[in-house]
Amino acid sequence: MFGWLRKGTLLGSELTQWQFDCSGWLLRHTGGLEALRQRPLVQPTPRFFPDRGLQGHALAEAMFERVRGYAGMADWPCELVMQEADPNPRVAPRCW
């Protein structure tokens, strides 16, 4: 039903390598493995995201800033930009 019994990797070799490359880049630019070990495991709970009552763009900005901080990227030049509506919101082919 969910493709669990299919053979091969979930992402394919090219996307799997891209994931490893991106993870390596992130570790190199955010303090390495030791810095990663010092950070908490961020969970989608009020403890990590206490911004209650916000909606729309204000909520998106608050979450964006918190995630940047948790990732050690608070001082990086970043901008949150709204994505245009996707005419095809399906993200994966059906496995059944």
Protein backbone atom coordinates (compact mmCIF):
# COMPACT_ATOMS: atom_id res chain seq x y z
CA MET A 1 0.00 0.00 0.00
CA PHE A 2 2.71 2.51 0.90
CA GLY A 3 5.38 0.99 -1.31
CA TRP A 4 7.09 -0.68 1.66
CA LEU A 5 7.50 -3.96 -0.19
CA ARG A 6 9.00 -2.51 -3.35
CA LYS A 7 12.64 -3.13 -4.15
CA GLY A 8 15.18 -0.34 -4.27
CA THR A 9 15.64 2.86 -2.33
CA LEU A 10 12.88 5.32 -1.56
CA LEU A 11 14.57 8.25 -3.29
CA GLY A 12 16.75 6.61 -5.90
CA SER A 13 20.53 6.87 -6.02
CA GLU A 14 20.76 10.43 -7.35
CA LEU A 15 18.43 11.96 -4.75
CA THR A 16 19.99 9.85 -1.99
CA GLN A 17 23.43 11.22 -2.87
CA TRP A 18 22.00 14.75 -2.97
CA GLN A 19 20.62 14.26 0.57
CA PHE A 20 24.06 13.17 1.82
CA ASP A 21 25.77 16.05 0.01
CA CYS A 22 23.36 18.59 1.54
CA SER A 23 23.78 17.11 5.01
CA GLY A 24 27.56 17.28 4.66
CA TRP A 25 27.38 20.91 3.53
CA LEU A 26 25.13 21.78 6.47
CA LEU A 27 27.51 20.15 8.96
CA ARG A 28 30.52 21.95 7.46
CA HIS A 29 28.81 25.34 7.69
CA THR A 30 27.12 25.06 11.08
CA GLY A 31 29.89 23.86 13.36
CA GLY A 32 30.20 20.20 12.53
CA LEU A 33 29.03 17.06 14.25
CA GLU A 34 29.91 18.26 17.75
CA ALA A 35 27.79 21.40 17.33
CA LEU A 36 24.95 19.22 16.09
CA ARG A 37 25.24 17.05 19.19
CA GLN A 38 24.94 20.16 21.40
CA ARG A 39 21.64 21.22 19.83
CA PRO A 40 18.32 19.91 21.11
CA LEU A 41 16.09 17.71 18.98
CA VAL A 42 13.53 20.29 17.92
CA GLN A 43 10.00 18.96 18.08
CA PRO A 44 6.71 20.47 16.87
CA THR A 45 5.59 21.27 20.41
CA PRO A 46 4.79 24.50 22.30
CA ARG A 47 8.16 24.16 24.04
CA PHE A 48 9.96 24.88 20.76
CA PHE A 49 7.22 26.85 18.99
CA PRO A 50 5.38 28.88 21.63
CA ASP A 51 3.98 31.49 19.21
CA ARG A 52 0.28 30.98 19.92
CA GLY A 53 -2.39 33.12 18.33
CA LEU A 54 -0.43 34.03 15.25
CA GLN A 55 -1.84 33.31 11.81
CA GLY A 56 -0.92 33.68 8.17
CA HIS A 57 2.29 35.51 7.35
CA ALA A 58 3.01 36.44 10.97
CA LEU A 59 2.95 32.75 11.95
CA ALA A 60 5.16 31.81 9.00
CA GLU A 61 7.70 34.53 9.91
CA ALA A 62 7.78 33.46 13.57
CA MET A 63 8.32 29.81 12.66
CA PHE A 64 10.94 30.71 10.07
CA GLU A 65 12.92 32.76 12.60
CA ARG A 66 12.73 30.03 15.24
CA VAL A 67 13.87 27.33 12.80
CA ARG A 68 16.76 29.54 11.66
CA GLY A 69 17.78 29.98 15.28
CA TYR A 70 17.57 26.26 16.05
CA ALA A 71 19.62 25.51 12.94
CA GLY A 72 22.35 27.96 13.99
CA MET A 73 21.52 30.21 11.05
CA ALA A 74 20.02 33.23 12.85
CA ASP A 75 22.73 35.54 11.50
CA TRP A 76 22.55 34.24 7.94
CA PRO A 77 20.96 36.52 5.34
CA CYS A 78 17.67 34.75 4.66
CA GLU A 79 14.30 35.86 3.37
CA LEU A 80 10.95 34.12 3.62
CA VAL A 81 9.12 34.37 0.29
CA MET A 82 5.61 33.11 -0.36
CA GLN A 83 5.49 30.37 -2.98
CA GLU A 84 3.06 30.69 -5.85
CA ALA A 85 0.15 28.27 -5.82
CA ASP A 86 1.16 24.94 -7.31
CA PRO A 87 -1.14 23.95 -10.16
CA ASN A 88 -0.24 20.30 -9.46
CA PRO A 89 -0.05 19.79 -5.66
CA ARG A 90 0.56 16.03 -5.96
CA VAL A 91 4.06 15.43 -4.63
CA ALA A 92 4.53 11.73 -5.30
CA PRO A 93 3.16 9.14 -7.65
CA ARG A 94 0.63 6.73 -6.23
CA CYS A 95 2.12 3.40 -5.28
CA TRP A 96 -1.07 1.41 -5.64
